[in-house]
Amino acid sequence: MTTKTLDHCTHWIFDMDGTLTLAVHDFDAIRKTLGIVDGQPILEAIDEMPKTQADKTLKVLFDIEMEIAAGSKPQPGAYELLEQLASNNCTTGILTRNGVEIAAATLKAAGLDEFFEPAAVLGRESCRPKPDPAGIHLHLKAWQANTDTTVMVGDYRFDLEAGHRAGVHTVHLDVDAAEQWPQFTSYRVTSLGELSNLLAD
């Protein structure tokens, strides 16, 4: 873990579930409901289905995710971190593998929606999903931001790989001290409070 700070960064992209909100998705159960093989990424599996089957499966997935979104709770320190970024005049955005409507419902339920302009919330309809860096490129273009002053924050490999491929700083929020992906990670923190400390002047 480097001792450098991130106080020079002005543009922040966040994953949502497990990063800004508490992780509650049971992905194994969701795969079982959708008829997807254990361990296979859900969106990629749906993408391989015939269109009619894919459309039906996406509808079921949407209903599952909307039900989860309604009960979303903020990750400890999320509000304080976003408030700190706002006070520093930083620009913030979301990049999630969820749909945009689901993302909006999640942020509202968690009490974090005030920190994000609707146009800055990108989901699976917006671009190819993470780990593809397309969503980060969209944010960079919309913000006219430089990679050196942009950060991607997430709790999973897809977030970090997308950021690494886009050439921005990456922060791994590793609250469970579980899997780590150092090849894609610029900074690793165990809480959002620890990340706030990296913004100190």
C-alpha atoms as a PDB file:
ATOM      1  CA  MET A   1       0.000   0.000   0.000  1.00  0.00           C
ATOM      2  CA  THR A   2       1.500   3.299  -1.073  1.00  0.00           C
ATOM      3  CA  THR A   3       1.646   6.241   1.301  1.00  0.00           C
ATOM      4  CA  LYS A   4       0.800   8.753  -1.413  1.00  0.00           C
ATOM      5  CA  THR A   5      -2.458  10.671  -1.177  1.00  0.00           C
ATOM      6  CA  LEU A   6      -5.205  11.164  -3.726  1.00  0.00           C
ATOM      7  CA  ASP A   7      -5.811  14.816  -2.910  1.00  0.00           C
ATOM      8  CA  HIS A   8      -4.855  15.832  -6.455  1.00  0.00           C
ATOM      9  CA  CYS A   9      -7.708  13.805  -7.957  1.00  0.00           C
ATOM     10  CA  THR A  10     -10.733  15.816  -9.007  1.00  0.00           C
ATOM     11  CA  HIS A  11     -12.919  13.183 -10.709  1.00  0.00           C
ATOM     12  CA  TRP A  12     -14.202  10.115  -8.891  1.00  0.00           C
ATOM     13  CA  ILE A  13     -16.041   7.126 -10.350  1.00  0.00           C
ATOM     14  CA  PHE A  14     -17.660   4.678  -7.963  1.00  0.00           C
ATOM     15  CA  ASP A  15     -19.004   1.186  -8.246  1.00  0.00           C
ATOM     16  CA  MET A  16     -22.202   0.958  -6.257  1.00  0.00           C
ATOM     17  CA  ASP A  17     -23.105  -2.422  -4.695  1.00  0.00           C
ATOM     18  CA  GLY A  18     -20.484  -3.435  -2.161  1.00  0.00           C
ATOM     19  CA  THR A  19     -18.713  -0.106  -2.557  1.00  0.00           C
ATOM     20  CA  LEU A  20     -21.021   2.801  -1.768  1.00  0.00           C
ATOM     21  CA  THR A  21     -23.699   0.439  -0.434  1.00  0.00           C
ATOM     22  CA  LEU A  22     -23.490  -2.681   1.678  1.00  0.00           C
ATOM     23  CA  ALA A  23     -23.050  -5.886  -0.302  1.00  0.00           C
ATOM     24  CA  VAL A  24     -26.231  -7.956  -0.033  1.00  0.00           C
ATOM     25  CA  HIS A  25     -26.524  -9.657  -3.426  1.00  0.00           C
ATOM     26  CA  ASP A  26     -26.489 -13.450  -3.300  1.00  0.00           C
ATOM     27  CA  PHE A  27     -25.110 -13.975  -6.780  1.00  0.00           C
ATOM     28  CA  ASP A  28     -25.201 -17.771  -6.537  1.00  0.00           C
ATOM     29  CA  ALA A  29     -28.920 -17.643  -5.739  1.00  0.00           C
ATOM     30  CA  ILE A  30     -29.512 -15.163  -8.569  1.00  0.00           C
ATOM     31  CA  ARG A  31     -27.679 -17.434 -11.021  1.00  0.00           C
ATOM     32  CA  LYS A  32     -29.794 -20.370  -9.883  1.00  0.00           C
ATOM     33  CA  THR A  33     -33.007 -18.380 -10.402  1.00  0.00           C
ATOM     34  CA  LEU A  34     -31.857 -17.302 -13.860  1.00  0.00           C
ATOM     35  CA  GLY A  35     -30.620 -20.764 -14.860  1.00  0.00           C
ATOM     36  CA  ILE A  36     -27.008 -19.656 -15.188  1.00  0.00           C
ATOM     37  CA  VAL A  37     -24.070 -21.937 -14.458  1.00  0.00           C
ATOM     38  CA  ASP A  38     -22.330 -21.398 -11.100  1.00  0.00           C
ATOM     39  CA  GLY A  39     -19.446 -18.962 -11.297  1.00  0.00           C
ATOM     40  CA  GLN A  40     -20.332 -17.550 -14.714  1.00  0.00           C
ATOM     41  CA  PRO A  41     -20.674 -13.740 -14.863  1.00  0.00           C
ATOM     42  CA  ILE A  42     -24.393 -13.010 -15.111  1.00  0.00           C
ATOM     43  CA  LEU A  43     -24.443 -10.310 -17.804  1.00  0.00           C
ATOM     44  CA  GLU A  44     -22.005 -12.200 -20.015  1.00  0.00           C
ATOM     45  CA  ALA A  45     -24.092 -15.363 -19.680  1.00  0.00           C
ATOM     46  CA  ILE A  46     -27.257 -13.492 -20.661  1.00  0.00           C
ATOM     47  CA  ASP A  47     -25.439 -11.916 -23.596  1.00  0.00           C
ATOM     48  CA  GLU A  48     -24.793 -15.396 -24.978  1.00  0.00           C
ATOM     49  CA  MET A  49     -28.481 -16.375 -24.856  1.00  0.00           C
ATOM     50  CA  PRO A  50     -30.857 -16.157 -27.843  1.00  0.00           C
ATOM     51  CA  LYS A  51     -32.534 -12.745 -27.854  1.00  0.00           C
ATOM     52  CA  THR A  52     -35.972 -13.901 -26.701  1.00  0.00           C
ATOM     53  CA  GLN A  53     -34.491 -15.845 -23.793  1.00  0.00           C
ATOM     54  CA  ALA A  54     -32.120 -13.001 -22.967  1.00  0.00           C
ATOM     55  CA  ASP A  55     -34.963 -10.468 -22.855  1.00  0.00           C
ATOM     56  CA  LYS A  56     -36.989 -12.657 -20.493  1.00  0.00           C
ATOM     57  CA  THR A  57     -33.967 -13.312 -18.292  1.00  0.00           C
ATOM     58  CA  LEU A  58     -33.115  -9.614 -18.090  1.00  0.00           C
ATOM     59  CA  LYS A  59     -36.675  -8.884 -16.968  1.00  0.00           C
ATOM     60  CA  VAL A  60     -36.380 -11.424 -14.155  1.00  0.00           C
ATOM     61  CA  LEU A  61     -32.983  -9.986 -13.211  1.00  0.00           C
ATOM     62  CA  PHE A  62     -34.423  -6.457 -13.194  1.00  0.00           C
ATOM     63  CA  ASP A  63     -37.193  -7.487 -10.801  1.00  0.00           C
ATOM     64  CA  ILE A  64     -34.698  -9.177  -8.464  1.00  0.00           C
ATOM     65  CA  GLU A  65     -32.378  -6.173  -8.481  1.00  0.00           C
ATOM     66  CA  MET A  66     -35.171  -3.653  -7.934  1.00  0.00           C
ATOM     67  CA  GLU A  67     -36.331  -5.559  -4.878  1.00  0.00           C
ATOM     68  CA  ILE A  68     -32.782  -5.509  -3.514  1.00  0.00           C
ATOM     69  CA  ALA A  69     -32.387  -1.826  -4.377  1.00  0.00           C
ATOM     70  CA  ALA A  70     -35.364  -0.863  -2.227  1.00  0.00           C
ATOM     71  CA  GLY A  71     -33.554  -2.062   0.891  1.00  0.00           C
ATOM     72  CA  SER A  72     -30.127  -0.640   0.115  1.00  0.00           C
ATOM     73  CA  LYS A  73     -28.031   0.704   2.991  1.00  0.00           C
ATOM     74  CA  PRO A  74     -24.952   2.925   2.675  1.00  0.00           C
ATOM     75  CA  GLN A  75     -21.493   1.540   3.256  1.00  0.00           C
ATOM     76  CA  PRO A  76     -20.096   2.987   6.512  1.00  0.00           C
ATOM     77  CA  GLY A  77     -18.365   6.263   5.679  1.00  0.00           C
ATOM     78  CA  ALA A  78     -19.992   6.617   2.251  1.00  0.00           C
ATOM     79  CA  TYR A  79     -21.943   9.776   3.009  1.00  0.00           C
ATOM     80  CA  GLU A  80     -18.976  11.386   4.741  1.00  0.00           C
ATOM     81  CA  LEU A  81     -16.613  10.558   1.871  1.00  0.00           C
ATOM     82  CA  LEU A  82     -18.975  11.931  -0.756  1.00  0.00           C
ATOM     83  CA  GLU A  83     -19.563  15.036   1.359  1.00  0.00           C
ATOM     84  CA  GLN A  84     -15.795  15.499   1.599  1.00  0.00           C
ATOM     85  CA  LEU A  85     -15.424  15.174  -2.172  1.00  0.00           C
ATOM     86  CA  ALA A  86     -18.250  17.666  -2.724  1.00  0.00           C
ATOM     87  CA  SER A  87     -16.615  20.152  -0.362  1.00  0.00           C
ATOM     88  CA  ASN A  88     -13.415  19.771  -2.404  1.00  0.00           C
ATOM     89  CA  ASN A  89     -15.386  20.572  -5.589  1.00  0.00           C
ATOM     90  CA  CYS A  90     -14.729  17.116  -6.994  1.00  0.00           C
ATOM     91  CA  THR A  91     -16.914  15.590  -9.700  1.00  0.00           C
ATOM     92  CA  THR A  92     -18.494  12.217  -8.887  1.00  0.00           C
ATOM     93  CA  GLY A  93     -20.080   9.520 -11.009  1.00  0.00           C
ATOM     94  CA  ILE A  94     -21.331   5.944 -10.871  1.00  0.00           C
ATOM     95  CA  LEU A  95     -20.336   3.029 -13.080  1.00  0.00           C
ATOM     96  CA  THR A  96     -22.314  -0.124 -12.305  1.00  0.00           C
ATOM     97  CA  ARG A  97     -23.244  -3.385 -13.967  1.00  0.00           C
ATOM     98  CA  ASN A  98     -26.799  -2.740 -12.763  1.00  0.00           C
ATOM     99  CA  GLY A  99     -29.312  -0.869 -14.869  1.00  0.00           C
ATOM    100  CA  VAL A 100     -29.541   2.908 -14.576  1.00  0.00           C
ATOM    101  CA  GLU A 101     -33.037   2.774 -13.067  1.00  0.00           C
ATOM    102  CA  ILE A 102     -31.856   0.250 -10.489  1.00  0.00           C
ATOM    103  CA  ALA A 103     -28.819   2.396  -9.700  1.00  0.00           C
ATOM    104  CA  ALA A 104     -31.015   5.454  -9.134  1.00  0.00           C
ATOM    105  CA  ALA A 105     -33.316   3.485  -6.822  1.00  0.00           C
ATOM    106  CA  THR A 106     -30.324   2.116  -4.905  1.00  0.00           C
ATOM    107  CA  LEU A 107     -28.746   5.532  -4.383  1.00  0.00           C
ATOM    108  CA  LYS A 108     -32.061   7.014  -3.247  1.00  0.00           C
ATOM    109  CA  ALA A 109     -32.741   4.208  -0.762  1.00  0.00           C
ATOM    110  CA  ALA A 110     -29.213   4.566   0.625  1.00  0.00           C
ATOM    111  CA  GLY A 111     -29.531   8.349   0.924  1.00  0.00           C
ATOM    112  CA  LEU A 112     -26.664   9.037  -1.473  1.00  0.00           C
ATOM    113  CA  ASP A 113     -28.511  10.299  -4.550  1.00  0.00           C
ATOM    114  CA  GLU A 114     -27.856  13.982  -3.788  1.00  0.00           C
ATOM    115  CA  PHE A 115     -24.198  13.532  -4.724  1.00  0.00           C
ATOM    116  CA  PHE A 116     -24.768  12.331  -8.296  1.00  0.00           C
ATOM    117  CA  GLU A 117     -26.197  14.058 -11.328  1.00  0.00           C
ATOM    118  CA  PRO A 118     -28.499  11.659 -13.260  1.00  0.00           C
ATOM    119  CA  ALA A 119     -26.295  11.911 -16.360  1.00  0.00           C
ATOM    120  CA  ALA A 120     -23.308  10.759 -14.285  1.00  0.00           C
ATOM    121  CA  VAL A 121     -24.945   7.438 -13.360  1.00  0.00           C
ATOM    122  CA  LEU A 122     -23.949   4.882 -15.983  1.00  0.00           C
ATOM    123  CA  GLY A 123     -25.265   1.327 -16.080  1.00  0.00           C
ATOM    124  CA  ARG A 124     -25.396  -1.679 -18.346  1.00  0.00           C
ATOM    125  CA  GLU A 125     -27.573   0.155 -20.895  1.00  0.00           C
ATOM    126  CA  SER A 126     -24.991   2.919 -21.196  1.00  0.00           C
ATOM    127  CA  CYS A 127     -22.051   0.902 -22.502  1.00  0.00           C
ATOM    128  CA  ARG A 128     -20.310  -2.445 -22.394  1.00  0.00           C
ATOM    129  CA  PRO A 129     -20.206  -3.515 -18.728  1.00  0.00           C
ATOM    130  CA  LYS A 130     -17.104  -3.641 -16.572  1.00  0.00           C
ATOM    131  CA  PRO A 131     -14.418  -4.986 -16.859  1.00  0.00           C
ATOM    132  CA  ASP A 132     -14.670  -3.235 -20.229  1.00  0.00           C
ATOM    133  CA  PRO A 133     -13.364   0.330 -19.677  1.00  0.00           C
ATOM    134  CA  ALA A 134     -16.022   1.872 -21.951  1.00  0.00           C
ATOM    135  CA  GLY A 135     -17.960   3.443 -19.079  1.00  0.00           C
ATOM    136  CA  ILE A 136     -14.862   5.117 -17.694  1.00  0.00           C
ATOM    137  CA  HIS A 137     -14.068   6.499 -21.139  1.00  0.00           C
ATOM    138  CA  LEU A 138     -17.614   7.906 -21.306  1.00  0.00           C
ATOM    139  CA  HIS A 139     -17.149   9.658 -17.980  1.00  0.00           C
ATOM    140  CA  LEU A 140     -13.755  11.026 -18.991  1.00  0.00           C
ATOM    141  CA  LYS A 141     -15.188  12.400 -22.234  1.00  0.00           C
ATOM    142  CA  ALA A 142     -18.254  13.939 -20.590  1.00  0.00           C
ATOM    143  CA  TRP A 143     -16.158  15.543 -17.873  1.00  0.00           C
ATOM    144  CA  GLN A 144     -13.217  16.413 -20.158  1.00  0.00           C
ATOM    145  CA  ALA A 145     -11.098  14.900 -17.399  1.00  0.00           C
ATOM    146  CA  ASN A 146      -7.544  13.578 -17.435  1.00  0.00           C
ATOM    147  CA  THR A 147      -6.730  10.018 -16.443  1.00  0.00           C
ATOM    148  CA  ASP A 148      -4.137  11.219 -13.925  1.00  0.00           C
ATOM    149  CA  THR A 149      -6.761  13.075 -11.899  1.00  0.00           C
ATOM    150  CA  THR A 150      -9.468  10.402 -12.148  1.00  0.00           C
ATOM    151  CA  VAL A 151     -10.129   7.529  -9.752  1.00  0.00           C
ATOM    152  CA  MET A 152     -12.167   4.326 -10.067  1.00  0.00           C
ATOM    153  CA  VAL A 153     -13.284   2.930  -6.700  1.00  0.00           C
ATOM    154  CA  GLY A 154     -14.697  -0.575  -6.376  1.00  0.00           C
ATOM    155  CA  ASP A 155     -14.801  -3.761  -4.364  1.00  0.00           C
ATOM    156  CA  TYR A 156     -14.372  -6.313  -7.144  1.00  0.00           C
ATOM    157  CA  ARG A 157     -11.960  -7.262  -9.887  1.00  0.00           C
ATOM    158  CA  PHE A 158     -14.229  -5.950 -12.659  1.00  0.00           C
ATOM    159  CA  ASP A 159     -14.073  -2.418 -11.193  1.00  0.00           C
ATOM    160  CA  LEU A 160     -10.319  -2.463 -10.814  1.00  0.00           C
ATOM    161  CA  GLU A 161      -9.633  -4.052 -14.180  1.00  0.00           C
ATOM    162  CA  ALA A 162     -11.836  -1.490 -15.937  1.00  0.00           C
ATOM    163  CA  GLY A 163      -9.992   1.349 -14.230  1.00  0.00           C
ATOM    164  CA  HIS A 164      -6.592  -0.161 -14.943  1.00  0.00           C
ATOM    165  CA  ARG A 165      -7.440  -0.636 -18.621  1.00  0.00           C
ATOM    166  CA  ALA A 166      -8.657   2.967 -18.831  1.00  0.00           C
ATOM    167  CA  GLY A 167      -5.430   4.251 -17.280  1.00  0.00           C
ATOM    168  CA  VAL A 168      -6.973   5.880 -14.203  1.00  0.00           C
ATOM    169  CA  HIS A 169      -6.092   5.387 -10.533  1.00  0.00           C
ATOM    170  CA  THR A 170      -7.858   2.432  -8.938  1.00  0.00           C
ATOM    171  CA  VAL A 171      -8.903   1.947  -5.331  1.00  0.00           C
ATOM    172  CA  HIS A 172      -9.847  -1.489  -4.043  1.00  0.00           C
ATOM    173  CA  LEU A 173     -12.295  -1.304  -1.134  1.00  0.00           C
ATOM    174  CA  ASP A 174     -11.510  -4.610   0.557  1.00  0.00           C
ATOM    175  CA  VAL A 175     -13.756  -4.633   3.627  1.00  0.00           C
ATOM    176  CA  ASP A 176     -13.648  -8.412   4.028  1.00  0.00           C
ATOM    177  CA  ALA A 177      -9.931  -8.897   3.360  1.00  0.00           C
ATOM    178  CA  ALA A 178     -10.974 -11.400   0.737  1.00  0.00           C
ATOM    179  CA  GLU A 179      -9.642 -11.686  -2.800  1.00  0.00           C
ATOM    180  CA  GLN A 180      -7.077  -9.138  -3.915  1.00  0.00           C
ATOM    181  CA  TRP A 181      -6.011  -8.105  -7.410  1.00  0.00           C
ATOM    182  CA  PRO A 182      -2.736  -6.187  -6.993  1.00  0.00           C
ATOM    183  CA  GLN A 183      -2.094  -6.174 -10.739  1.00  0.00           C
ATOM    184  CA  PHE A 184      -5.083  -3.849 -11.193  1.00  0.00           C
ATOM    185  CA  THR A 185      -4.907  -1.950  -7.904  1.00  0.00           C
ATOM    186  CA  SER A 186      -3.252   1.424  -7.255  1.00  0.00           C
ATOM    187  CA  TYR A 187      -4.491   1.707  -3.669  1.00  0.00           C
ATOM    188  CA  ARG A 188      -6.114  -0.770  -1.307  1.00  0.00           C
ATOM    189  CA  VAL A 189      -8.240   0.306   1.662  1.00  0.00           C
ATOM    190  CA  THR A 190     -10.348  -1.624   4.146  1.00  0.00           C
ATOM    191  CA  SER A 191     -12.931   1.124   4.707  1.00  0.00           C
ATOM    192  CA  LEU A 192     -14.214   4.295   3.100  1.00  0.00           C
ATOM    193  CA  GLY A 193     -12.934   6.140   6.159  1.00  0.00           C
ATOM    194  CA  GLU A 194      -9.434   4.992   5.285  1.00  0.00           C
ATOM    195  CA  LEU A 195     -10.001   6.270   1.762  1.00  0.00           C
ATOM    196  CA  SER A 196     -11.025   9.656   3.164  1.00  0.00           C
ATOM    197  CA  ASN A 197      -7.622   9.871   4.817  1.00  0.00           C
ATOM    198  CA  LEU A 198      -5.969   9.649   1.404  1.00  0.00           C
ATOM    199  CA  LEU A 199      -7.635  12.949   0.518  1.00  0.00           C
ATOM    200  CA  ALA A 200      -5.857  14.836   3.263  1.00  0.00           C
ATOM    201  CA  ASP A 201      -3.741  17.760   2.147  1.00  0.00           C
END
